[in-house]
Amino acid sequence: MKDWKALLRPESLAQLQANYRQQLPLKGSRREVDFEPVSKLFNATGGGCWLITEVDEDGLAFGLADLGYPELGYISLPELAEFRGLADLGIEEDRFFKARLTLSGYADDARKRGYIHA
């Protein structure tokens, strides 16, 4: 079993975990934070894009996923870490990604386009 934390740069992981701790007491309230995505993960050999705003200690992340249709929800980073595509390549973090919108902004844009444009 691969370590899901290896999907992320240390600075991304630290911010995602900090966002999770900030959001946890606000879940279900009107005060939930609409974070900018911290990390963009992608399948280098096929379809699949994930914009992630937070992650818990078990690797359950929240964000916007696109596997043919963009959808907000929870993402299992341990499952993504196990994926192997062509030439045995896995999911990668886009080291050059810089958010320009909040997660809801990306979700709105993806609904209009039919895919994540990040």
N, C-alpha and C. Protein backbone atom coordinates (compact mmCIF):
# COMPACT_ATOMS: atom_id res chain seq x y z
N MET A 1 0.83 -1.18 0.00
CA MET A 1 0.00 0.00 0.00
C MET A 1 0.88 1.25 0.00
N LYS A 2 0.64 2.12 -0.95
CA LYS A 2 1.41 3.36 -1.06
C LYS A 2 0.92 4.38 -0.03
N ASP A 3 1.82 5.23 0.40
CA ASP A 3 1.49 6.28 1.35
C ASP A 3 0.83 7.44 0.61
N TRP A 4 -0.42 7.75 0.95
CA TRP A 4 -1.15 8.80 0.26
C TRP A 4 -0.49 10.17 0.43
N LYS A 5 0.25 10.36 1.49
CA LYS A 5 0.90 11.66 1.72
C LYS A 5 1.96 11.94 0.67
N ALA A 6 2.47 10.89 0.03
CA ALA A 6 3.48 11.06 -1.01
C ALA A 6 2.91 11.71 -2.27
N LEU A 7 1.58 11.77 -2.39
CA LEU A 7 0.96 12.46 -3.53
C LEU A 7 1.19 13.97 -3.46
N LEU A 8 1.43 14.49 -2.26
CA LEU A 8 1.44 15.93 -2.02
C LEU A 8 2.81 16.43 -1.59
N ARG A 9 3.12 17.64 -2.00
CA ARG A 9 4.31 18.31 -1.49
C ARG A 9 4.08 18.62 -0.01
N PRO A 10 5.12 18.66 0.80
CA PRO A 10 4.94 18.92 2.25
C PRO A 10 4.16 20.20 2.54
N GLU A 11 4.42 21.25 1.77
CA GLU A 11 3.72 22.52 2.02
C GLU A 11 2.24 22.41 1.66
N SER A 12 1.91 21.65 0.64
CA SER A 12 0.50 21.43 0.28
C SER A 12 -0.20 20.65 1.39
N LEU A 13 0.43 19.57 1.84
CA LEU A 13 -0.15 18.76 2.90
C LEU A 13 -0.39 19.58 4.16
N ALA A 14 0.57 20.39 4.55
CA ALA A 14 0.43 21.22 5.75
C ALA A 14 -0.76 22.17 5.62
N GLN A 15 -0.92 22.82 4.46
CA GLN A 15 -2.04 23.76 4.28
C GLN A 15 -3.38 23.03 4.22
N LEU A 16 -3.42 21.89 3.55
CA LEU A 16 -4.66 21.11 3.47
C LEU A 16 -5.11 20.66 4.86
N GLN A 17 -4.18 20.23 5.69
CA GLN A 17 -4.52 19.81 7.05
C GLN A 17 -4.93 21.00 7.91
N ALA A 18 -4.28 22.15 7.72
CA ALA A 18 -4.67 23.36 8.45
C ALA A 18 -6.08 23.79 8.05
N ASN A 19 -6.41 23.71 6.77
CA ASN A 19 -7.76 24.05 6.32
C ASN A 19 -8.78 23.11 6.94
N TYR A 20 -8.45 21.82 7.01
CA TYR A 20 -9.36 20.84 7.62
C TYR A 20 -9.63 21.20 9.09
N ARG A 21 -8.57 21.50 9.84
CA ARG A 21 -8.74 21.86 11.26
C ARG A 21 -9.58 23.13 11.42
N GLN A 22 -9.41 24.08 10.51
CA GLN A 22 -10.19 25.33 10.57
C GLN A 22 -11.65 25.06 10.23
N GLN A 23 -11.90 24.19 9.26
CA GLN A 23 -13.25 23.94 8.77
C GLN A 23 -14.05 23.02 9.70
N LEU A 24 -13.39 22.11 10.38
CA LEU A 24 -14.07 21.08 11.17
C LEU A 24 -15.15 21.63 12.10
N PRO A 25 -14.87 22.62 12.92
CA PRO A 25 -15.93 23.11 13.81
C PRO A 25 -17.03 23.89 13.09
N LEU A 26 -16.83 24.23 11.82
CA LEU A 26 -17.80 25.02 11.07
C LEU A 26 -18.69 24.18 10.17
N LYS A 27 -18.39 22.87 10.05
CA LYS A 27 -19.15 22.00 9.15
C LYS A 27 -20.64 22.07 9.43
N GLY A 28 -21.40 22.22 8.35
CA GLY A 28 -22.86 22.27 8.47
C GLY A 28 -23.41 23.62 8.86
N SER A 29 -22.56 24.59 9.05
CA SER A 29 -23.04 25.93 9.42
C SER A 29 -22.89 26.88 8.23
N ARG A 30 -23.47 28.03 8.38
CA ARG A 30 -23.34 29.05 7.32
C ARG A 30 -21.96 29.68 7.31
N ARG A 31 -21.16 29.33 8.30
CA ARG A 31 -19.83 29.93 8.43
C ARG A 31 -18.74 29.09 7.77
N GLU A 32 -19.12 28.00 7.08
CA GLU A 32 -18.10 27.19 6.40
C GLU A 32 -17.29 28.08 5.45
N VAL A 33 -16.01 27.80 5.38
CA VAL A 33 -15.10 28.60 4.55
C VAL A 33 -15.07 28.03 3.13
N ASP A 34 -15.18 28.91 2.14
CA ASP A 34 -15.04 28.53 0.73
C ASP A 34 -13.58 28.78 0.35
N PHE A 35 -12.73 27.81 0.67
CA PHE A 35 -11.29 27.94 0.43
C PHE A 35 -10.96 27.95 -1.05
N GLU A 36 -9.83 28.55 -1.37
CA GLU A 36 -9.22 28.34 -2.68
C GLU A 36 -8.59 26.95 -2.65
N PRO A 37 -8.64 26.21 -3.74
CA PRO A 37 -7.96 24.91 -3.76
C PRO A 37 -6.47 25.07 -3.47
N VAL A 38 -5.95 24.17 -2.69
CA VAL A 38 -4.53 24.18 -2.35
C VAL A 38 -3.74 23.35 -3.35
N SER A 39 -4.33 22.26 -3.79
CA SER A 39 -3.62 21.31 -4.63
C SER A 39 -4.48 20.86 -5.81
N LYS A 40 -3.82 20.70 -6.95
CA LYS A 40 -4.45 20.11 -8.12
C LYS A 40 -3.73 18.79 -8.39
N LEU A 41 -4.48 17.70 -8.37
CA LEU A 41 -3.95 16.39 -8.72
C LEU A 41 -4.47 16.01 -10.09
N PHE A 42 -3.69 15.23 -10.84
CA PHE A 42 -4.13 14.84 -12.17
C PHE A 42 -3.55 13.48 -12.53
N ASN A 43 -4.21 12.84 -13.47
CA ASN A 43 -3.75 11.57 -14.04
C ASN A 43 -2.92 11.92 -15.27
N ALA A 44 -1.63 11.69 -15.21
CA ALA A 44 -0.74 12.08 -16.30
C ALA A 44 -0.94 11.26 -17.57
N THR A 45 -1.62 10.13 -17.48
CA THR A 45 -1.77 9.26 -18.64
C THR A 45 -3.22 9.08 -19.08
N GLY A 46 -4.10 9.92 -18.58
CA GLY A 46 -5.51 9.78 -18.96
C GLY A 46 -6.35 10.82 -18.27
N GLY A 47 -7.65 10.56 -18.21
CA GLY A 47 -8.58 11.50 -17.60
C GLY A 47 -8.50 11.48 -16.08
N GLY A 48 -8.86 12.58 -15.50
CA GLY A 48 -8.91 12.68 -14.06
C GLY A 48 -8.21 13.92 -13.57
N CYS A 49 -8.96 14.75 -12.84
CA CYS A 49 -8.43 15.98 -12.25
C CYS A 49 -9.15 16.20 -10.93
N TRP A 50 -8.39 16.61 -9.91
CA TRP A 50 -8.95 16.84 -8.59
C TRP A 50 -8.39 18.14 -8.04
N LEU A 51 -9.26 19.05 -7.60
CA LEU A 51 -8.86 20.27 -6.90
C LEU A 51 -9.24 20.07 -5.44
N ILE A 52 -8.27 20.15 -4.55
CA ILE A 52 -8.48 19.79 -3.16
C ILE A 52 -8.27 20.99 -2.25
N THR A 53 -9.19 21.14 -1.27
CA THR A 53 -9.11 22.26 -0.34
C THR A 53 -8.71 21.86 1.07
N GLU A 54 -8.96 20.61 1.45
CA GLU A 54 -8.67 20.18 2.82
C GLU A 54 -8.53 18.66 2.86
N VAL A 55 -7.86 18.16 3.90
CA VAL A 55 -7.69 16.71 4.07
C VAL A 55 -7.57 16.38 5.56
N ASP A 56 -8.19 15.27 5.95
CA ASP A 56 -8.09 14.82 7.35
C ASP A 56 -6.88 13.91 7.52
N GLU A 57 -6.68 13.43 8.73
CA GLU A 57 -5.50 12.62 9.05
C GLU A 57 -5.51 11.24 8.37
N ASP A 58 -6.66 10.80 7.88
CA ASP A 58 -6.76 9.51 7.21
C ASP A 58 -6.70 9.61 5.69
N GLY A 59 -6.56 10.82 5.17
CA GLY A 59 -6.47 11.00 3.72
C GLY A 59 -7.80 11.23 3.03
N LEU A 60 -8.84 11.52 3.80
CA LEU A 60 -10.13 11.86 3.19
C LEU A 60 -10.12 13.35 2.89
N ALA A 61 -10.12 13.68 1.62
CA ALA A 61 -10.02 15.07 1.18
C ALA A 61 -11.38 15.58 0.71
N PHE A 62 -11.51 16.89 0.66
CA PHE A 62 -12.70 17.51 0.09
C PHE A 62 -12.26 18.37 -1.07
N GLY A 63 -13.06 18.31 -2.15
CA GLY A 63 -12.72 19.13 -3.29
C GLY A 63 -13.63 18.87 -4.47
N LEU A 64 -13.13 19.26 -5.63
CA LEU A 64 -13.85 19.13 -6.89
C LEU A 64 -13.13 18.08 -7.72
N ALA A 65 -13.84 17.04 -8.11
CA ALA A 65 -13.26 15.96 -8.91
C ALA A 65 -13.88 15.96 -10.30
N ASP A 66 -13.08 15.60 -11.28
CA ASP A 66 -13.58 15.47 -12.65
C ASP A 66 -13.05 14.18 -13.25
N LEU A 67 -13.93 13.20 -13.34
CA LEU A 67 -13.63 11.93 -13.99
C LEU A 67 -14.54 11.75 -15.20
N GLY A 68 -14.78 12.85 -15.88
CA GLY A 68 -15.70 12.86 -17.00
C GLY A 68 -16.88 13.77 -16.74
N TYR A 69 -17.08 14.10 -15.47
CA TYR A 69 -18.14 15.02 -15.07
C TYR A 69 -17.71 15.65 -13.75
N PRO A 70 -17.64 17.00 -13.67
CA PRO A 70 -17.18 17.64 -12.44
C PRO A 70 -18.18 17.48 -11.30
N GLU A 71 -17.66 17.18 -10.11
CA GLU A 71 -18.52 16.93 -8.97
C GLU A 71 -17.80 17.31 -7.67
N LEU A 72 -18.49 18.06 -6.80
CA LEU A 72 -17.97 18.38 -5.47
C LEU A 72 -18.19 17.20 -4.55
N GLY A 73 -17.23 16.95 -3.67
CA GLY A 73 -17.42 15.88 -2.70
C GLY A 73 -16.12 15.44 -2.07
N TYR A 74 -16.20 14.29 -1.43
CA TYR A 74 -15.05 13.73 -0.72
C TYR A 74 -14.26 12.81 -1.65
N ILE A 75 -12.94 12.82 -1.44
CA ILE A 75 -12.00 12.12 -2.30
C ILE A 75 -11.07 11.31 -1.40
N SER A 76 -10.92 10.04 -1.69
CA SER A 76 -10.02 9.18 -0.93
C SER A 76 -8.61 9.26 -1.52
N LEU A 77 -7.72 9.94 -0.83
CA LEU A 77 -6.34 10.02 -1.32
C LEU A 77 -5.63 8.67 -1.24
N PRO A 78 -5.93 7.80 -0.25
CA PRO A 78 -5.33 6.46 -0.30
C PRO A 78 -5.70 5.70 -1.57
N GLU A 79 -6.93 5.84 -2.04
CA GLU A 79 -7.32 5.19 -3.30
C GLU A 79 -6.58 5.79 -4.49
N LEU A 80 -6.44 7.11 -4.51
CA LEU A 80 -5.70 7.74 -5.62
C LEU A 80 -4.23 7.32 -5.60
N ALA A 81 -3.66 7.16 -4.41
CA ALA A 81 -2.25 6.76 -4.32
C ALA A 81 -2.01 5.37 -4.87
N GLU A 82 -3.02 4.52 -4.83
CA GLU A 82 -2.89 3.15 -5.33
C GLU A 82 -3.04 3.05 -6.85
N PHE A 83 -3.63 4.05 -7.47
CA PHE A 83 -3.90 4.01 -8.91
C PHE A 83 -2.60 3.94 -9.71
N ARG A 84 -2.61 3.10 -10.74
CA ARG A 84 -1.51 3.02 -11.70
C ARG A 84 -2.10 3.01 -13.09
N GLY A 85 -1.62 3.94 -13.93
CA GLY A 85 -2.09 4.03 -15.30
C GLY A 85 -1.07 3.44 -16.26
N LEU A 86 -1.06 3.97 -17.47
CA LEU A 86 -0.11 3.52 -18.50
C LEU A 86 1.32 3.70 -18.00
N ALA A 87 2.17 2.79 -18.39
CA ALA A 87 3.59 2.82 -18.02
C ALA A 87 3.77 2.87 -16.50
N ASP A 88 2.77 2.38 -15.76
CA ASP A 88 2.82 2.30 -14.30
C ASP A 88 2.91 3.69 -13.63
N LEU A 89 2.42 4.72 -14.33
CA LEU A 89 2.43 6.07 -13.76
C LEU A 89 1.19 6.26 -12.90
N GLY A 90 1.35 7.03 -11.83
CA GLY A 90 0.24 7.27 -10.92
C GLY A 90 -0.28 8.69 -11.01
N ILE A 91 -1.06 9.05 -10.03
CA ILE A 91 -1.61 10.41 -9.91
C ILE A 91 -0.50 11.33 -9.44
N GLU A 92 -0.47 12.54 -9.99
CA GLU A 92 0.58 13.51 -9.66
C GLU A 92 -0.02 14.83 -9.20
N GLU A 93 0.75 15.57 -8.43
CA GLU A 93 0.36 16.93 -8.05
C GLU A 93 0.95 17.90 -9.06
N ASP A 94 0.13 18.84 -9.51
CA ASP A 94 0.58 19.89 -10.42
C ASP A 94 1.35 20.91 -9.60
N ARG A 95 2.66 20.90 -9.73
CA ARG A 95 3.51 21.78 -8.93
C ARG A 95 3.38 23.26 -9.33
N PHE A 96 2.79 23.52 -10.48
CA PHE A 96 2.67 24.90 -10.97
C PHE A 96 1.28 25.47 -10.78
N PHE A 97 0.37 24.69 -10.19
CA PHE A 97 -0.99 25.15 -9.99
C PHE A 97 -1.02 26.28 -8.97
N LYS A 98 -1.74 27.34 -9.32
CA LYS A 98 -1.99 28.46 -8.41
C LYS A 98 -3.46 28.81 -8.56
N ALA A 99 -4.21 28.66 -7.49
CA ALA A 99 -5.65 28.92 -7.54
C ALA A 99 -5.92 30.37 -7.91
N ARG A 100 -6.96 30.55 -8.73
CA ARG A 100 -7.42 31.89 -9.11
C ARG A 100 -8.85 32.13 -8.68
N LEU A 101 -9.51 31.06 -8.18
CA LEU A 101 -10.89 31.12 -7.71
C LEU A 101 -11.02 30.33 -6.41
N THR A 102 -12.13 30.52 -5.73
CA THR A 102 -12.46 29.64 -4.62
C THR A 102 -12.99 28.32 -5.19
N LEU A 103 -13.15 27.32 -4.33
CA LEU A 103 -13.64 26.03 -4.81
C LEU A 103 -15.01 26.16 -5.45
N SER A 104 -15.90 26.95 -4.84
CA SER A 104 -17.24 27.11 -5.44
C SER A 104 -17.14 27.83 -6.78
N GLY A 105 -16.18 28.73 -6.93
CA GLY A 105 -15.97 29.39 -8.22
C GLY A 105 -15.54 28.40 -9.29
N TYR A 106 -14.62 27.50 -8.94
CA TYR A 106 -14.21 26.46 -9.89
C TYR A 106 -15.38 25.53 -10.20
N ALA A 107 -16.18 25.20 -9.19
CA ALA A 107 -17.32 24.31 -9.40
C ALA A 107 -18.33 24.96 -10.35
N ASP A 108 -18.63 26.24 -10.15
CA ASP A 108 -19.56 26.95 -11.04
C ASP A 108 -19.02 26.97 -12.47
N ASP A 109 -17.74 27.28 -12.61
CA ASP A 109 -17.13 27.33 -13.92
C ASP A 109 -17.15 25.95 -14.59
N ALA A 110 -16.86 24.90 -13.81
CA ALA A 110 -16.85 23.53 -14.35
C ALA A 110 -18.23 23.09 -14.79
N ARG A 111 -19.26 23.50 -14.07
CA ARG A 111 -20.63 23.15 -14.48
C ARG A 111 -20.96 23.78 -15.82
N LYS A 112 -20.49 25.01 -16.06
CA LYS A 112 -20.76 25.69 -17.33
C LYS A 112 -19.98 25.05 -18.48
N ARG A 113 -18.72 24.72 -18.22
CA ARG A 113 -17.86 24.18 -19.26
C ARG A 113 -18.04 22.68 -19.47
N GLY A 114 -18.40 21.99 -18.37
CA GLY A 114 -18.48 20.53 -18.42
C GLY A 114 -17.20 19.85 -18.01
N TYR A 115 -16.22 20.63 -17.59
CA TYR A 115 -14.94 20.10 -17.13
C TYR A 115 -14.23 21.16 -16.29
N ILE A 116 -13.25 20.73 -15.51
CA ILE A 116 -12.47 21.65 -14.69
C ILE A 116 -11.44 22.36 -15.57
N HIS A 117 -11.45 23.66 -15.51
CA HIS A 117 -10.48 24.49 -16.23
C HIS A 117 -9.62 25.19 -15.17
N ALA A 118 -8.47 24.60 -14.90
CA ALA A 118 -7.61 25.15 -13.83
C ALA A 118 -6.19 25.28 -14.31
